[in-house]
Amino acid sequence: MEKFNRALRGYDPDEVNKFLDQVIAQVEKMIEEMKDKDREIALRDAKIEELTNEVNKTTHLKEKLAQYERMEGTLNRAIVMAQKTSDQIKANAYKERDMILDSAKKNANQIVNESLLKAEKAEMEAHMLKRNINVFKKKLRDIIETQLELVEDIEKVDF
């Protein structure tokens, strides 16, 4: 605390005024420092709000990223499942194709065998017909020759 010299009717006014000027200067300096601190606080509050907004955006983006990663996982599983299904369908189609080919080959072999049997039978029937025709021709020749002999014998006989 400041001590003043005594003067007539109290303390020396010059000293008191000087002291008051010092107090006023210090108070003004403190007020100015407080205003600077308030401005600094306001700037920091703005920076804090800006950073909070950034954190919120980052959090939102992280949530979106996690959602997209889950969707990607789901899509990958769906693609794998579709690939497996596709492979299974192909395998079944190949099996069915092989079964159809085997069946067609068996049917073709059966048809060829039946055709060969029919051709063989037709050939045998044709051969038999030729033989029968030859036998018939021979019998007809024999009959005609016998008839010719009869005609010749009749001519030999005189009436």
C-alpha atoms as a PDB file:
ATOM      1  CA  MET A   1       0.000   0.000   0.000  1.00  0.00           C
ATOM      2  CA  GLU A   2       1.204   3.517  -0.814  1.00  0.00           C
ATOM      3  CA  LYS A   3       1.918   5.946   1.981  1.00  0.00           C
ATOM      4  CA  PHE A   4       1.421   9.645   1.387  1.00  0.00           C
ATOM      5  CA  ASN A   5       3.184  12.557   3.014  1.00  0.00           C
ATOM      6  CA  ARG A   6       1.054  14.741   5.148  1.00  0.00           C
ATOM      7  CA  ALA A   7       0.240  18.196   4.080  1.00  0.00           C
ATOM      8  CA  LEU A   8      -2.087  20.891   5.243  1.00  0.00           C
ATOM      9  CA  ARG A   9      -5.537  19.430   5.681  1.00  0.00           C
ATOM     10  CA  GLY A  10      -4.617  15.875   4.905  1.00  0.00           C
ATOM     11  CA  TYR A  11      -2.395  14.276   2.367  1.00  0.00           C
ATOM     12  CA  ASP A  12      -0.400  15.977  -0.369  1.00  0.00           C
ATOM     13  CA  PRO A  13      -2.798  16.310  -3.329  1.00  0.00           C
ATOM     14  CA  ASP A  14      -0.018  16.011  -5.933  1.00  0.00           C
ATOM     15  CA  GLU A  15       1.078  12.683  -4.521  1.00  0.00           C
ATOM     16  CA  VAL A  16      -2.525  11.481  -4.290  1.00  0.00           C
ATOM     17  CA  ASN A  17      -3.206  12.586  -7.891  1.00  0.00           C
ATOM     18  CA  LYS A  18      -0.039  10.891  -9.077  1.00  0.00           C
ATOM     19  CA  PHE A  19      -1.084   7.748  -7.256  1.00  0.00           C
ATOM     20  CA  LEU A  20      -4.597   7.950  -8.699  1.00  0.00           C
ATOM     21  CA  ASP A  21      -3.099   8.441 -12.170  1.00  0.00           C
ATOM     22  CA  GLN A  22      -1.027   5.300 -11.612  1.00  0.00           C
ATOM     23  CA  VAL A  23      -4.106   3.388 -10.383  1.00  0.00           C
ATOM     24  CA  ILE A  24      -6.144   4.626 -13.363  1.00  0.00           C
ATOM     25  CA  ALA A  25      -3.351   3.595 -15.736  1.00  0.00           C
ATOM     26  CA  GLN A  26      -3.146   0.167 -14.120  1.00  0.00           C
ATOM     27  CA  VAL A  27      -6.939  -0.254 -14.183  1.00  0.00           C
ATOM     28  CA  GLU A  28      -7.045   0.836 -17.834  1.00  0.00           C
ATOM     29  CA  LYS A  29      -4.211  -1.569 -18.570  1.00  0.00           C
ATOM     30  CA  MET A  30      -6.095  -4.348 -16.766  1.00  0.00           C
ATOM     31  CA  ILE A  31      -9.286  -3.473 -18.662  1.00  0.00           C
ATOM     32  CA  GLU A  32      -7.362  -3.574 -21.935  1.00  0.00           C
ATOM     33  CA  GLU A  33      -5.808  -6.917 -20.943  1.00  0.00           C
ATOM     34  CA  MET A  34      -9.279  -8.215 -20.076  1.00  0.00           C
ATOM     35  CA  LYS A  35     -10.595  -7.072 -23.454  1.00  0.00           C
ATOM     36  CA  ASP A  36      -7.621  -8.819 -25.123  1.00  0.00           C
ATOM     37  CA  LYS A  37      -8.357 -11.939 -23.091  1.00  0.00           C
ATOM     38  CA  ASP A  38     -12.067 -11.717 -24.047  1.00  0.00           C
ATOM     39  CA  ARG A  39     -11.107 -11.399 -27.728  1.00  0.00           C
ATOM     40  CA  GLU A  40      -8.711 -14.323 -27.316  1.00  0.00           C
ATOM     41  CA  ILE A  41     -11.455 -16.335 -25.595  1.00  0.00           C
ATOM     42  CA  ALA A  42     -13.895 -15.446 -28.375  1.00  0.00           C
ATOM     43  CA  LEU A  43     -11.323 -16.526 -30.995  1.00  0.00           C
ATOM     44  CA  ARG A  44     -10.694 -19.732 -29.101  1.00  0.00           C
ATOM     45  CA  ASP A  45     -14.451 -20.337 -28.737  1.00  0.00           C
ATOM     46  CA  ALA A  46     -14.826 -19.855 -32.509  1.00  0.00           C
ATOM     47  CA  LYS A  47     -11.899 -22.208 -33.105  1.00  0.00           C
ATOM     48  CA  ILE A  48     -13.432 -24.731 -30.674  1.00  0.00           C
ATOM     49  CA  GLU A  49     -16.781 -24.511 -32.496  1.00  0.00           C
ATOM     50  CA  GLU A  50     -15.009 -24.883 -35.834  1.00  0.00           C
ATOM     51  CA  LEU A  51     -13.102 -27.914 -34.547  1.00  0.00           C
ATOM     52  CA  THR A  52     -16.326 -29.327 -33.071  1.00  0.00           C
ATOM     53  CA  ASN A  53     -17.962 -28.972 -36.480  1.00  0.00           C
ATOM     54  CA  GLU A  54     -14.957 -30.674 -38.063  1.00  0.00           C
ATOM     55  CA  VAL A  55     -15.201 -33.495 -35.502  1.00  0.00           C
ATOM     56  CA  ASN A  56     -18.938 -33.841 -36.213  1.00  0.00           C
ATOM     57  CA  LYS A  57     -18.258 -33.941 -39.957  1.00  0.00           C
ATOM     58  CA  THR A  58     -15.481 -36.473 -39.415  1.00  0.00           C
ATOM     59  CA  THR A  59     -17.739 -38.587 -37.214  1.00  0.00           C
ATOM     60  CA  HIS A  60     -20.492 -38.406 -39.825  1.00  0.00           C
ATOM     61  CA  LEU A  61     -18.007 -39.357 -42.558  1.00  0.00           C
ATOM     62  CA  LYS A  62     -16.704 -42.240 -40.438  1.00  0.00           C
ATOM     63  CA  GLU A  63     -20.270 -43.483 -39.956  1.00  0.00           C
ATOM     64  CA  LYS A  64     -20.881 -43.200 -43.715  1.00  0.00           C
ATOM     65  CA  LEU A  65     -17.608 -45.007 -44.406  1.00  0.00           C
ATOM     66  CA  ALA A  66     -18.556 -47.790 -41.995  1.00  0.00           C
ATOM     67  CA  GLN A  67     -21.972 -48.032 -43.672  1.00  0.00           C
ATOM     68  CA  TYR A  68     -20.353 -48.217 -47.124  1.00  0.00           C
ATOM     69  CA  GLU A  69     -17.879 -50.815 -45.888  1.00  0.00           C
ATOM     70  CA  ARG A  70     -20.789 -52.902 -44.581  1.00  0.00           C
ATOM     71  CA  MET A  71     -22.536 -52.476 -47.939  1.00  0.00           C
ATOM     72  CA  GLU A  72     -19.319 -53.474 -49.718  1.00  0.00           C
ATOM     73  CA  GLY A  73     -19.080 -56.589 -47.552  1.00  0.00           C
ATOM     74  CA  THR A  74     -22.697 -57.436 -48.313  1.00  0.00           C
ATOM     75  CA  LEU A  75     -22.137 -56.881 -52.029  1.00  0.00           C
ATOM     76  CA  ASN A  76     -18.987 -59.000 -51.959  1.00  0.00           C
ATOM     77  CA  ARG A  77     -20.878 -61.813 -50.243  1.00  0.00           C
ATOM     78  CA  ALA A  78     -23.678 -61.470 -52.811  1.00  0.00           C
ATOM     79  CA  ILE A  79     -21.152 -61.591 -55.656  1.00  0.00           C
ATOM     80  CA  VAL A  80     -19.496 -64.679 -54.181  1.00  0.00           C
ATOM     81  CA  MET A  81     -22.907 -66.315 -53.739  1.00  0.00           C
ATOM     82  CA  ALA A  82     -23.880 -65.402 -57.311  1.00  0.00           C
ATOM     83  CA  GLN A  83     -20.578 -66.844 -58.566  1.00  0.00           C
ATOM     84  CA  LYS A  84     -21.172 -70.073 -56.633  1.00  0.00           C
ATOM     85  CA  THR A  85     -24.721 -70.258 -57.961  1.00  0.00           C
ATOM     86  CA  SER A  86     -23.467 -69.589 -61.475  1.00  0.00           C
ATOM     87  CA  ASP A  87     -20.829 -72.309 -61.130  1.00  0.00           C
ATOM     88  CA  GLN A  88     -23.438 -74.704 -59.788  1.00  0.00           C
ATOM     89  CA  ILE A  89     -25.811 -73.904 -62.670  1.00  0.00           C
ATOM     90  CA  LYS A  90     -22.962 -74.449 -65.145  1.00  0.00           C
ATOM     91  CA  ALA A  91     -22.038 -77.751 -63.516  1.00  0.00           C
ATOM     92  CA  ASN A  92     -25.670 -78.887 -63.630  1.00  0.00           C
ATOM     93  CA  ALA A  93     -25.940 -77.795 -67.254  1.00  0.00           C
ATOM     94  CA  TYR A  94     -22.790 -79.740 -68.136  1.00  0.00           C
ATOM     95  CA  LYS A  95     -24.129 -82.821 -66.332  1.00  0.00           C
ATOM     96  CA  GLU A  96     -27.469 -82.490 -68.102  1.00  0.00           C
ATOM     97  CA  ARG A  97     -25.674 -82.007 -71.424  1.00  0.00           C
ATOM     98  CA  ASP A  98     -23.597 -85.141 -70.806  1.00  0.00           C
ATOM     99  CA  MET A  99     -26.720 -87.110 -69.864  1.00  0.00           C
ATOM    100  CA  ILE A 100     -28.523 -85.894 -72.986  1.00  0.00           C
ATOM    101  CA  LEU A 101     -25.496 -86.757 -75.143  1.00  0.00           C
ATOM    102  CA  ASP A 102     -25.236 -90.216 -73.592  1.00  0.00           C
ATOM    103  CA  SER A 103     -28.950 -90.772 -74.108  1.00  0.00           C
ATOM    104  CA  ALA A 104     -28.719 -89.498 -77.691  1.00  0.00           C
ATOM    105  CA  LYS A 105     -25.728 -91.773 -78.362  1.00  0.00           C
ATOM    106  CA  LYS A 106     -27.606 -94.754 -76.935  1.00  0.00           C
ATOM    107  CA  ASN A 107     -30.670 -93.876 -79.004  1.00  0.00           C
ATOM    108  CA  ALA A 108     -28.494 -93.388 -82.077  1.00  0.00           C
ATOM    109  CA  ASN A 109     -26.785 -96.741 -81.488  1.00  0.00           C
ATOM    110  CA  GLN A 110     -30.154 -98.395 -80.975  1.00  0.00           C
ATOM    111  CA  ILE A 111     -31.518 -96.781 -84.154  1.00  0.00           C
ATOM    112  CA  VAL A 112     -28.398 -97.826 -86.099  1.00  0.00           C
ATOM    113  CA  ASN A 113     -28.653-101.380 -84.746  1.00  0.00           C
ATOM    114  CA  GLU A 114     -32.367-101.547 -85.578  1.00  0.00           C
ATOM    115  CA  SER A 115     -31.647-100.135 -89.027  1.00  0.00           C
ATOM    116  CA  LEU A 116     -28.882-102.665 -89.564  1.00  0.00           C
ATOM    117  CA  LEU A 117     -31.218-105.469 -88.487  1.00  0.00           C
ATOM    118  CA  LYS A 118     -33.965-104.152 -90.784  1.00  0.00           C
ATOM    119  CA  ALA A 119     -31.481-103.803 -93.648  1.00  0.00           C
ATOM    120  CA  GLU A 120     -30.196-107.304 -93.018  1.00  0.00           C
ATOM    121  CA  LYS A 121     -33.766-108.612 -92.900  1.00  0.00           C
ATOM    122  CA  ALA A 122     -34.655-106.715 -96.085  1.00  0.00           C
ATOM    123  CA  GLU A 123     -31.513-108.096 -97.737  1.00  0.00           C
ATOM    124  CA  MET A 124     -32.459-111.613 -96.654  1.00  0.00           C
ATOM    125  CA  GLU A 125     -36.017-111.106 -97.946  1.00  0.00           C
ATOM    126  CA  ALA A 126     -34.648-109.732-101.227  1.00  0.00           C
ATOM    127  CA  HIS A 127     -32.314-112.707-101.490  1.00  0.00           C
ATOM    128  CA  MET A 128     -35.197-115.074-100.739  1.00  0.00           C
ATOM    129  CA  LEU A 129     -37.360-113.307-103.347  1.00  0.00           C
ATOM    130  CA  LYS A 130     -34.591-113.704-105.938  1.00  0.00           C
ATOM    131  CA  ARG A 131     -34.280-117.387-105.078  1.00  0.00           C
ATOM    132  CA  ASN A 132     -38.076-117.823-105.217  1.00  0.00           C
ATOM    133  CA  ILE A 133     -38.150-115.983-108.563  1.00  0.00           C
ATOM    134  CA  ASN A 134     -35.381-118.240-109.856  1.00  0.00           C
ATOM    135  CA  VAL A 135     -37.255-121.329-108.601  1.00  0.00           C
ATOM    136  CA  PHE A 136     -40.471-120.016-110.122  1.00  0.00           C
ATOM    137  CA  LYS A 137     -38.685-119.327-113.435  1.00  0.00           C
ATOM    138  CA  LYS A 138     -37.202-122.822-113.404  1.00  0.00           C
ATOM    139  CA  LYS A 139     -40.598-124.421-112.691  1.00  0.00           C
ATOM    140  CA  LEU A 140     -42.234-122.254-115.342  1.00  0.00           C
ATOM    141  CA  ARG A 141     -39.524-123.261-117.820  1.00  0.00           C
ATOM    142  CA  ASP A 142     -40.027-126.864-116.913  1.00  0.00           C
ATOM    143  CA  ILE A 143     -43.805-126.533-117.386  1.00  0.00           C
ATOM    144  CA  ILE A 144     -43.356-124.688-120.678  1.00  0.00           C
ATOM    145  CA  GLU A 145     -40.831-127.253-121.870  1.00  0.00           C
ATOM    146  CA  THR A 146     -43.192-130.053-120.859  1.00  0.00           C
ATOM    147  CA  GLN A 147     -46.014-128.318-122.723  1.00  0.00           C
ATOM    148  CA  LEU A 148     -43.766-127.873-125.756  1.00  0.00           C
ATOM    149  CA  GLU A 149     -42.898-131.545-125.660  1.00  0.00           C
ATOM    150  CA  LEU A 150     -46.609-132.359-125.567  1.00  0.00           C
ATOM    151  CA  VAL A 151     -47.227-130.097-128.515  1.00  0.00           C
ATOM    152  CA  GLU A 152     -44.406-131.790-130.396  1.00  0.00           C
ATOM    153  CA  ASP A 153     -45.765-135.209-129.489  1.00  0.00           C
ATOM    154  CA  ILE A 154     -49.182-134.168-130.705  1.00  0.00           C
ATOM    155  CA  GLU A 155     -47.684-133.064-134.013  1.00  0.00           C
ATOM    156  CA  LYS A 156     -46.018-136.389-134.373  1.00  0.00           C
ATOM    157  CA  VAL A 157     -49.267-138.218-134.080  1.00  0.00           C
ATOM    158  CA  ASP A 158     -51.168-138.346-137.322  1.00  0.00           C
ATOM    159  CA  PHE A 159     -54.795-138.280-137.323  1.00  0.00           C
END
